């Protein structure tokens, strides 16, 4: 069971760069880690949490494994937890 975080490369609200936080084993593990990290539930998007660059180092210090965005997506898909956006959704 591993929580993964990719680099903060994605532009988002408040002029910050954002990372994705996922679990490669269960959404329960992911939600529990997000609570520990202090990430609000509203940051959850189908299969991941959006995490601001200001929380990246703290996530790693709590045990999230830093990986590339490509590896994060590969492991999320392999876990069976990937939930794609419906067609036509933005």
PDB file of N, CA and C in Angstrom:
ATOM      1  N   UNK A   1       0.855  -1.180   0.000  1.00  0.00           N
ATOM      2  CA  UNK A   1       0.000   0.000   0.000  1.00  0.00           C
ATOM      3  C   UNK A   1       0.892   1.232   0.000  1.00  0.00           C
ATOM      4  N   UNK A   2       0.672   2.075  -0.992  1.00  0.00           N
ATOM      5  CA  UNK A   2       1.525   3.236  -1.139  1.00  0.00           C
ATOM      6  C   UNK A   2       0.719   4.441  -1.586  1.00  0.00           C
ATOM      7  N   UNK A   3       1.000   5.572  -0.968  1.00  0.00           N
ATOM      8  CA  UNK A   3       0.460   6.845  -1.442  1.00  0.00           C
ATOM      9  C   UNK A   3       1.550   7.497  -2.277  1.00  0.00           C
ATOM     10  N   UNK A   4       1.155   7.988  -3.444  1.00  0.00           N
ATOM     11  CA  UNK A   4       2.099   8.564  -4.397  1.00  0.00           C
ATOM     12  C   UNK A   4       1.763  10.021  -4.640  1.00  0.00           C
ATOM     13  N   UNK A   5       2.778  10.827  -4.920  1.00  0.00           N
ATOM     14  CA  UNK A   5       2.568  12.224  -5.279  1.00  0.00           C
ATOM     15  C   UNK A   5       3.508  12.581  -6.425  1.00  0.00           C
ATOM     16  N   UNK A   6       2.972  13.289  -7.411  1.00  0.00           N
ATOM     17  CA  UNK A   6       3.814  13.707  -8.530  1.00  0.00           C
ATOM     18  C   UNK A   6       4.309  15.136  -8.294  1.00  0.00           C
ATOM     19  N   UNK A   7       5.232  15.610  -9.116  1.00  0.00           N
ATOM     20  CA  UNK A   7       5.763  16.967  -8.926  1.00  0.00           C
ATOM     21  C   UNK A   7       4.674  18.020  -9.136  1.00  0.00           C
ATOM     22  N   UNK A   8       4.786  19.150  -8.462  1.00  0.00           N
ATOM     23  CA  UNK A   8       3.815  20.230  -8.675  1.00  0.00           C
ATOM     24  C   UNK A   8       4.079  20.940  -9.994  1.00  0.00           C
ATOM     25  N   UNK A   9       3.472  20.409 -11.052  1.00  0.00           N
ATOM     26  CA  UNK A   9       3.696  20.912 -12.406  1.00  0.00           C
ATOM     27  C   UNK A   9       2.458  21.502 -13.060  1.00  0.00           C
ATOM     28  N   UNK A  10       1.309  21.413 -12.397  1.00  0.00           N
ATOM     29  CA  UNK A  10       0.056  21.772 -13.042  1.00  0.00           C
ATOM     30  C   UNK A  10      -0.456  23.100 -12.515  1.00  0.00           C
ATOM     31  N   UNK A  11      -0.567  24.129 -13.365  1.00  0.00           N
ATOM     32  CA  UNK A  11      -1.063  25.438 -12.920  1.00  0.00           C
ATOM     33  C   UNK A  11      -2.495  25.322 -12.414  1.00  0.00           C
ATOM     34  N   UNK A  12      -2.778  26.067 -11.366  1.00  0.00           N
ATOM     35  CA  UNK A  12      -4.124  26.016 -10.800  1.00  0.00           C
ATOM     36  C   UNK A  12      -4.479  27.276 -10.056  1.00  0.00           C
ATOM     37  N   UNK A  13      -5.486  27.159  -9.202  1.00  0.00           N
ATOM     38  CA  UNK A  13      -5.976  28.322  -8.459  1.00  0.00           C
ATOM     39  C   UNK A  13      -4.891  28.996  -7.617  1.00  0.00           C
ATOM     40  N   UNK A  14      -5.094  30.260  -7.374  1.00  0.00           N
ATOM     41  CA  UNK A  14      -4.240  31.087  -6.513  1.00  0.00           C
ATOM     42  C   UNK A  14      -2.816  31.221  -7.044  1.00  0.00           C
ATOM     43  N   UNK A  15      -2.634  30.979  -8.350  1.00  0.00           N
ATOM     44  CA  UNK A  15      -1.315  31.131  -8.948  1.00  0.00           C
ATOM     45  C   UNK A  15      -0.310  30.087  -8.508  1.00  0.00           C
ATOM     46  N   UNK A  16      -0.775  28.971  -7.953  1.00  0.00           N
ATOM     47  CA  UNK A  16       0.107  27.914  -7.475  1.00  0.00           C
ATOM     48  C   UNK A  16       0.215  26.799  -8.504  1.00  0.00           C
ATOM     49  N   UNK A  17       1.272  26.022  -8.381  1.00  0.00           N
ATOM     50  CA  UNK A  17       1.390  24.778  -9.119  1.00  0.00           C
ATOM     51  C   UNK A  17       0.836  23.663  -8.240  1.00  0.00           C
ATOM     52  N   UNK A  18       0.267  22.632  -8.883  1.00  0.00           N
ATOM     53  CA  UNK A  18      -0.438  21.586  -8.138  1.00  0.00           C
ATOM     54  C   UNK A  18       0.096  20.210  -8.500  1.00  0.00           C
ATOM     55  N   UNK A  19       0.025  19.310  -7.516  1.00  0.00           N
ATOM     56  CA  UNK A  19       0.389  17.905  -7.660  1.00  0.00           C
ATOM     57  C   UNK A  19      -0.875  17.059  -7.559  1.00  0.00           C
ATOM     58  N   UNK A  20      -0.713  15.796  -7.923  1.00  0.00           N
ATOM     59  CA  UNK A  20      -1.780  14.815  -7.740  1.00  0.00           C
ATOM     60  C   UNK A  20      -1.328  13.828  -6.667  1.00  0.00           C
ATOM     61  N   UNK A  21      -2.240  13.504  -5.766  1.00  0.00           N
ATOM     62  CA  UNK A  21      -1.982  12.550  -4.691  1.00  0.00           C
ATOM     63  C   UNK A  21      -2.903  11.361  -4.920  1.00  0.00           C
ATOM     64  N   UNK A  22      -2.335  10.154  -5.025  1.00  0.00           N
ATOM     65  CA  UNK A  22      -3.124   8.952  -5.279  1.00  0.00           C
ATOM     66  C   UNK A  22      -2.649   7.811  -4.378  1.00  0.00           C
ATOM     67  N   UNK A  23      -3.457   6.777  -4.318  1.00  0.00           N
ATOM     68  CA  UNK A  23      -3.058   5.522  -3.679  1.00  0.00           C
ATOM     69  C   UNK A  23      -2.991   4.457  -4.757  1.00  0.00           C
ATOM     70  N   UNK A  24      -2.063   3.534  -4.623  1.00  0.00           N
ATOM     71  CA  UNK A  24      -2.016   2.431  -5.574  1.00  0.00           C
ATOM     72  C   UNK A  24      -2.693   1.189  -5.025  1.00  0.00           C
ATOM     73  N   UNK A  25      -3.484   1.381  -3.916  1.00  0.00           N
ATOM     74  CA  UNK A  25      -4.155   0.206  -3.355  1.00  0.00           C
ATOM     75  C   UNK A  25      -5.607   0.438  -2.946  1.00  0.00           C
ATOM     76  N   UNK A  26      -5.929   1.617  -2.372  1.00  0.00           N
ATOM     77  CA  UNK A  26      -7.320   1.823  -1.950  1.00  0.00           C
ATOM     78  C   UNK A  26      -7.643   3.301  -1.771  1.00  0.00           C
ATOM     79  N   UNK A  27      -8.891   3.621  -2.050  1.00  0.00           N
ATOM     80  CA  UNK A  27      -9.343   4.998  -1.817  1.00  0.00           C
ATOM     81  C   UNK A  27      -9.414   5.294  -0.325  1.00  0.00           C
ATOM     82  N   UNK A  28      -9.689   4.276   0.498  1.00  0.00           N
ATOM     83  CA  UNK A  28      -9.704   4.492   1.950  1.00  0.00           C
ATOM     84  C   UNK A  28      -8.337   4.967   2.434  1.00  0.00           C
ATOM     85  N   UNK A  29      -7.279   4.332   1.930  1.00  0.00           N
ATOM     86  CA  UNK A  29      -5.917   4.743   2.284  1.00  0.00           C
ATOM     87  C   UNK A  29      -5.673   6.184   1.836  1.00  0.00           C
ATOM     88  N   UNK A  30      -6.104   6.514   0.629  1.00  0.00           N
ATOM     89  CA  UNK A  30      -5.916   7.855   0.093  1.00  0.00           C
ATOM     90  C   UNK A  30      -6.647   8.890   0.927  1.00  0.00           C
ATOM     91  N   UNK A  31      -7.908   8.619   1.269  1.00  0.00           N
ATOM     92  CA  UNK A  31      -8.676   9.579   2.067  1.00  0.00           C
ATOM     93  C   UNK A  31      -8.065   9.761   3.460  1.00  0.00           C
ATOM     94  N   UNK A  32      -7.608   8.679   4.069  1.00  0.00           N
ATOM     95  CA  UNK A  32      -6.981   8.770   5.397  1.00  0.00           C
ATOM     96  C   UNK A  32      -5.711   9.612   5.332  1.00  0.00           C
ATOM     97  N   UNK A  33      -4.918   9.436   4.286  1.00  0.00           N
ATOM     98  CA  UNK A  33      -3.692  10.214   4.135  1.00  0.00           C
ATOM     99  C   UNK A  33      -4.017  11.683   3.918  1.00  0.00           C
ATOM    100  N   UNK A  34      -5.032  11.965   3.131  1.00  0.00           N
ATOM    101  CA  UNK A  34      -5.429  13.355   2.881  1.00  0.00           C
ATOM    102  C   UNK A  34      -5.846  14.045   4.172  1.00  0.00           C
ATOM    103  N   UNK A  35      -6.561  13.338   5.035  1.00  0.00           N
ATOM    104  CA  UNK A  35      -6.939  13.899   6.331  1.00  0.00           C
ATOM    105  C   UNK A  35      -5.684  14.218   7.134  1.00  0.00           C
ATOM    106  N   UNK A  36      -4.743  13.275   7.179  1.00  0.00           N
ATOM    107  CA  UNK A  36      -3.472  13.479   7.894  1.00  0.00           C
ATOM    108  C   UNK A  36      -2.717  14.688   7.352  1.00  0.00           C
ATOM    109  N   UNK A  37      -2.749  14.857   6.043  1.00  0.00           N
ATOM    110  CA  UNK A  37      -2.060  15.966   5.385  1.00  0.00           C
ATOM    111  C   UNK A  37      -2.795  17.293   5.555  1.00  0.00           C
ATOM    112  N   UNK A  38      -4.088  17.208   5.873  1.00  0.00           N
ATOM    113  CA  UNK A  38      -4.884  18.425   6.027  1.00  0.00           C
ATOM    114  C   UNK A  38      -5.479  18.924   4.723  1.00  0.00           C
ATOM    115  N   UNK A  39      -5.612  18.040   3.747  1.00  0.00           N
ATOM    116  CA  UNK A  39      -6.200  18.401   2.453  1.00  0.00           C
ATOM    117  C   UNK A  39      -7.720  18.274   2.573  1.00  0.00           C
ATOM    118  N   UNK A  40      -8.467  19.306   2.191  1.00  0.00           N
ATOM    119  CA  UNK A  40      -9.919  19.236   2.327  1.00  0.00           C
ATOM    120  C   UNK A  40     -10.543  18.245   1.330  1.00  0.00           C
ATOM    121  N   UNK A  41     -11.675  17.684   1.718  1.00  0.00           N
ATOM    122  CA  UNK A  41     -12.398  16.727   0.872  1.00  0.00           C
ATOM    123  C   UNK A  41     -12.716  17.314  -0.502  1.00  0.00           C
ATOM    124  N   UNK A  42     -12.954  18.619  -0.561  1.00  0.00           N
ATOM    125  CA  UNK A  42     -13.290  19.239  -1.851  1.00  0.00           C
ATOM    126  C   UNK A  42     -12.155  19.143  -2.872  1.00  0.00           C
ATOM    127  N   UNK A  43     -10.940  18.808  -2.425  1.00  0.00           N
ATOM    128  CA  UNK A  43      -9.801  18.652  -3.331  1.00  0.00           C
ATOM    129  C   UNK A  43      -9.782  17.276  -3.996  1.00  0.00           C
ATOM    130  N   UNK A  44     -10.719  16.397  -3.613  1.00  0.00           N
ATOM    131  CA  UNK A  44     -10.785  15.063  -4.216  1.00  0.00           C
ATOM    132  C   UNK A  44     -11.500  15.135  -5.557  1.00  0.00           C
ATOM    133  N   UNK A  45     -10.910  14.511  -6.567  1.00  0.00           N
ATOM    134  CA  UNK A  45     -11.477  14.525  -7.919  1.00  0.00           C
ATOM    135  C   UNK A  45     -11.439  13.108  -8.492  1.00  0.00           C
ATOM    136  N   UNK A  46     -12.488  12.338  -8.302  1.00  0.00           N
ATOM    137  CA  UNK A  46     -12.702  10.983  -8.816  1.00  0.00           C
ATOM    138  C   UNK A  46     -11.734   9.925  -8.305  1.00  0.00           C
ATOM    139  N   UNK A  47     -10.433  10.151  -8.421  1.00  0.00           N
ATOM    140  CA  UNK A  47      -9.456   9.124  -8.044  1.00  0.00           C
ATOM    141  C   UNK A  47      -8.174   9.716  -7.456  1.00  0.00           C
ATOM    142  N   UNK A  48      -8.170  11.022  -7.245  1.00  0.00           N
ATOM    143  CA  UNK A  48      -6.960  11.683  -6.732  1.00  0.00           C
ATOM    144  C   UNK A  48      -7.341  12.964  -5.980  1.00  0.00           C
ATOM    145  N   UNK A  49      -6.390  13.451  -5.214  1.00  0.00           N
ATOM    146  CA  UNK A  49      -6.506  14.769  -4.593  1.00  0.00           C
ATOM    147  C   UNK A  49      -5.574  15.710  -5.336  1.00  0.00           C
ATOM    148  N   UNK A  50      -6.020  16.938  -5.541  1.00  0.00           N
ATOM    149  CA  UNK A  50      -5.157  17.998  -6.030  1.00  0.00           C
ATOM    150  C   UNK A  50      -4.512  18.652  -4.814  1.00  0.00           C
ATOM    151  N   UNK A  51      -3.192  18.725  -4.832  1.00  0.00           N
ATOM    152  CA  UNK A  51      -2.426  19.204  -3.676  1.00  0.00           C
ATOM    153  C   UNK A  51      -1.548  20.378  -4.120  1.00  0.00           C
ATOM    154  N   UNK A  52      -1.623  21.512  -3.432  1.00  0.00           N
ATOM    155  CA  UNK A  52      -0.804  22.663  -3.837  1.00  0.00           C
ATOM    156  C   UNK A  52       0.680  22.427  -3.564  1.00  0.00           C
ATOM    157  N   UNK A  53       1.486  23.129  -4.319  1.00  0.00           N
ATOM    158  CA  UNK A  53       2.939  23.006  -4.171  1.00  0.00           C
ATOM    159  C   UNK A  53       3.394  23.261  -2.740  1.00  0.00           C
ATOM    160  N   UNK A  54       2.655  24.062  -2.004  1.00  0.00           N
ATOM    161  CA  UNK A  54       3.017  24.387  -0.619  1.00  0.00           C
ATOM    162  C   UNK A  54       2.879  23.188   0.317  1.00  0.00           C
ATOM    163  N   UNK A  55       2.186  22.129  -0.112  1.00  0.00           N
ATOM    164  CA  UNK A  55       1.994  20.937   0.729  1.00  0.00           C
ATOM    165  C   UNK A  55       2.806  19.740   0.232  1.00  0.00           C
ATOM    166  N   UNK A  56       3.501  19.893  -0.884  1.00  0.00           N
ATOM    167  CA  UNK A  56       4.225  18.760  -1.470  1.00  0.00           C
ATOM    168  C   UNK A  56       5.270  18.182  -0.508  1.00  0.00           C
ATOM    169  N   UNK A  57       6.141  19.005   0.017  1.00  0.00           N
ATOM    170  CA  UNK A  57       7.202  18.517   0.913  1.00  0.00           C
ATOM    171  C   UNK A  57       6.611  17.891   2.173  1.00  0.00           C
ATOM    172  N   UNK A  58       5.522  18.466   2.679  1.00  0.00           N
ATOM    173  CA  UNK A  58       4.877  17.894   3.869  1.00  0.00           C
ATOM    174  C   UNK A  58       4.309  16.510   3.547  1.00  0.00           C
ATOM    175  N   UNK A  59       3.707  16.343   2.375  1.00  0.00           N
ATOM    176  CA  UNK A  59       3.178  15.038   1.980  1.00  0.00           C
ATOM    177  C   UNK A  59       4.295  13.997   1.946  1.00  0.00           C
ATOM    178  N   UNK A  60       5.434  14.383   1.389  1.00  0.00           N
ATOM    179  CA  UNK A  60       6.578  13.469   1.332  1.00  0.00           C
ATOM    180  C   UNK A  60       7.075  13.155   2.741  1.00  0.00           C
ATOM    181  N   UNK A  61       7.125  14.156   3.604  1.00  0.00           N
ATOM    182  CA  UNK A  61       7.589  13.911   4.980  1.00  0.00           C
ATOM    183  C   UNK A  61       6.647  12.982   5.750  1.00  0.00           C
ATOM    184  N   UNK A  62       5.370  12.952   5.346  1.00  0.00           N
ATOM    185  CA  UNK A  62       4.401  12.061   5.983  1.00  0.00           C
ATOM    186  C   UNK A  62       4.403  10.660   5.374  1.00  0.00           C
ATOM    187  N   UNK A  63       5.172  10.475   4.300  1.00  0.00           N
ATOM    188  CA  UNK A  63       5.307   9.140   3.733  1.00  0.00           C
ATOM    189  C   UNK A  63       4.849   8.964   2.301  1.00  0.00           C
ATOM    190  N   UNK A  64       4.354  10.017   1.650  1.00  0.00           N
ATOM    191  CA  UNK A  64       3.990   9.895   0.234  1.00  0.00           C
ATOM    192  C   UNK A  64       5.268   9.691  -0.580  1.00  0.00           C
ATOM    193  N   UNK A  65       5.203   8.817  -1.562  1.00  0.00           N
ATOM    194  CA  UNK A  65       6.358   8.539  -2.397  1.00  0.00           C
ATOM    195  C   UNK A  65       6.338   9.463  -3.612  1.00  0.00           C
ATOM    196  N   UNK A  66       7.376  10.295  -3.772  1.00  0.00           N
ATOM    197  CA  UNK A  66       7.429  11.172  -4.952  1.00  0.00           C
ATOM    198  C   UNK A  66       7.772  10.351  -6.198  1.00  0.00           C
ATOM    199  N   UNK A  67       6.947  10.507  -7.229  1.00  0.00           N
ATOM    200  CA  UNK A  67       7.147   9.807  -8.492  1.00  0.00           C
ATOM    201  C   UNK A  67       6.841  10.772  -9.634  1.00  0.00           C
ATOM    202  N   UNK A  68       7.240  10.414 -10.824  1.00  0.00           N
ATOM    203  CA  UNK A  68       6.902  11.235 -11.978  1.00  0.00           C
ATOM    204  C   UNK A  68       5.398  11.150 -12.247  1.00  0.00           C
ATOM    205  N   UNK A  69       4.891  12.112 -12.984  1.00  0.00           N
ATOM    206  CA  UNK A  69       3.466  12.090 -13.339  1.00  0.00           C
ATOM    207  C   UNK A  69       3.140  10.853 -14.163  1.00  0.00           C
ATOM    208  N   UNK A  70       4.032  10.463 -15.020  1.00  0.00           N
ATOM    209  CA  UNK A  70       3.830   9.266 -15.847  1.00  0.00           C
ATOM    210  C   UNK A  70       3.732   8.009 -14.982  1.00  0.00           C
ATOM    211  N   UNK A  71       4.655   7.863 -14.018  1.00  0.00           N
ATOM    212  CA  UNK A  71       4.616   6.690 -13.146  1.00  0.00           C
ATOM    213  C   UNK A  71       3.365   6.708 -12.276  1.00  0.00           C
ATOM    214  N   UNK A  72       2.982   7.880 -11.772  1.00  0.00           N
ATOM    215  CA  UNK A  72       1.773   7.988 -10.958  1.00  0.00           C
ATOM    216  C   UNK A  72       0.566   7.486 -11.746  1.00  0.00           C
ATOM    217  N   UNK A  73       0.410   7.935 -12.972  1.00  0.00           N
ATOM    218  CA  UNK A  73      -0.729   7.513 -13.787  1.00  0.00           C
ATOM    219  C   UNK A  73      -0.655   6.019 -14.083  1.00  0.00           C
ATOM    220  N   UNK A  74       0.518   5.520 -14.419  1.00  0.00           N
ATOM    221  CA  UNK A  74       0.685   4.096 -14.708  1.00  0.00           C
ATOM    222  C   UNK A  74       0.274   3.253 -13.496  1.00  0.00           C
ATOM    223  N   UNK A  75       0.725   3.629 -12.314  1.00  0.00           N
ATOM    224  CA  UNK A  75       0.405   2.846 -11.118  1.00  0.00           C
ATOM    225  C   UNK A  75      -1.050   2.999 -10.709  1.00  0.00           C
ATOM    226  N   UNK A  76      -1.643   4.165 -10.951  1.00  0.00           N
ATOM    227  CA  UNK A  76      -3.064   4.351 -10.669  1.00  0.00           C
ATOM    228  C   UNK A  76      -3.903   3.453 -11.578  1.00  0.00           C
ATOM    229  N   UNK A  77      -3.571   3.413 -12.851  1.00  0.00           N
ATOM    230  CA  UNK A  77      -4.289   2.540 -13.782  1.00  0.00           C
ATOM    231  C   UNK A  77      -4.112   1.076 -13.396  1.00  0.00           C
ATOM    232  N   UNK A  78      -2.875   0.672 -13.091  1.00  0.00           N
ATOM    233  CA  UNK A  78      -2.589  -0.714 -12.726  1.00  0.00           C
ATOM    234  C   UNK A  78      -3.341  -1.136 -11.457  1.00  0.00           C
ATOM    235  N   UNK A  79      -3.609  -0.194 -10.569  1.00  0.00           N
ATOM    236  CA  UNK A  79      -4.310  -0.516  -9.317  1.00  0.00           C
ATOM    237  C   UNK A  79      -5.794  -0.779  -9.532  1.00  0.00           C
ATOM    238  N   UNK A  80      -6.319  -0.335 -10.680  1.00  0.00           N
ATOM    239  CA  UNK A  80      -7.752  -0.467 -10.928  1.00  0.00           C
ATOM    240  C   UNK A  80      -8.574   0.664 -10.336  1.00  0.00           C
ATOM    241  N   UNK A  81      -7.908   1.663  -9.757  1.00  0.00           N
ATOM    242  CA  UNK A  81      -8.610   2.779  -9.107  1.00  0.00           C
ATOM    243  C   UNK A  81      -8.818   3.976 -10.031  1.00  0.00           C
ATOM    244  N   UNK A  82      -8.296   3.932 -11.235  1.00  0.00           N
ATOM    245  CA  UNK A  82      -8.423   5.066 -12.168  1.00  0.00           C
ATOM    246  C   UNK A  82      -9.878   5.268 -12.546  1.00  0.00           C
ATOM    247  N   UNK A  83     -10.356   6.496 -12.417  1.00  0.00           N
ATOM    248  CA  UNK A  83     -11.718   6.877 -12.794  1.00  0.00           C
ATOM    249  C   UNK A  83     -11.623   8.029 -13.777  1.00  0.00           C
ATOM    250  N   UNK A  84     -11.856   7.745 -15.048  1.00  0.00           N
ATOM    251  CA  UNK A  84     -11.750   8.760 -16.093  1.00  0.00           C
ATOM    252  C   UNK A  84     -12.957   9.690 -16.061  1.00  0.00           C
ATOM    253  N   UNK A  85     -12.767  10.896 -16.579  1.00  0.00           N
ATOM    254  CA  UNK A  85     -13.880  11.836 -16.746  1.00  0.00           C
ATOM    255  C   UNK A  85     -14.828  11.284 -17.794  1.00  0.00           C
ATOM    256  N   UNK A  86     -16.129  11.497 -17.606  1.00  0.00           N
ATOM    257  CA  UNK A  86     -17.066  11.092 -18.658  1.00  0.00           C
ATOM    258  C   UNK A  86     -16.795  11.872 -19.942  1.00  0.00           C
ATOM    259  N   UNK A  87     -17.092  11.268 -21.080  1.00  0.00           N
ATOM    260  CA  UNK A  87     -16.882  11.949 -22.366  1.00  0.00           C
ATOM    261  C   UNK A  87     -17.626  13.269 -22.387  1.00  0.00           C
ATOM    262  N   UNK A  88     -16.963  14.291 -22.899  1.00  0.00           N
ATOM    263  CA  UNK A  88     -17.563  15.606 -23.004  1.00  0.00           C
ATOM    264  C   UNK A  88     -17.456  16.447 -21.740  1.00  0.00           C
ATOM    265  N   UNK A  89     -17.015  15.854 -20.621  1.00  0.00           N
ATOM    266  CA  UNK A  89     -16.855  16.615 -19.377  1.00  0.00           C
ATOM    267  C   UNK A  89     -15.549  17.378 -19.399  1.00  0.00           C
ATOM    268  N   UNK A  90     -15.511  18.504 -18.728  1.00  0.00           N
ATOM    269  CA  UNK A  90     -14.277  19.285 -18.629  1.00  0.00           C
ATOM    270  C   UNK A  90     -13.723  19.232 -17.266  1.00  0.00           C
TER     271      UNK A  90
END
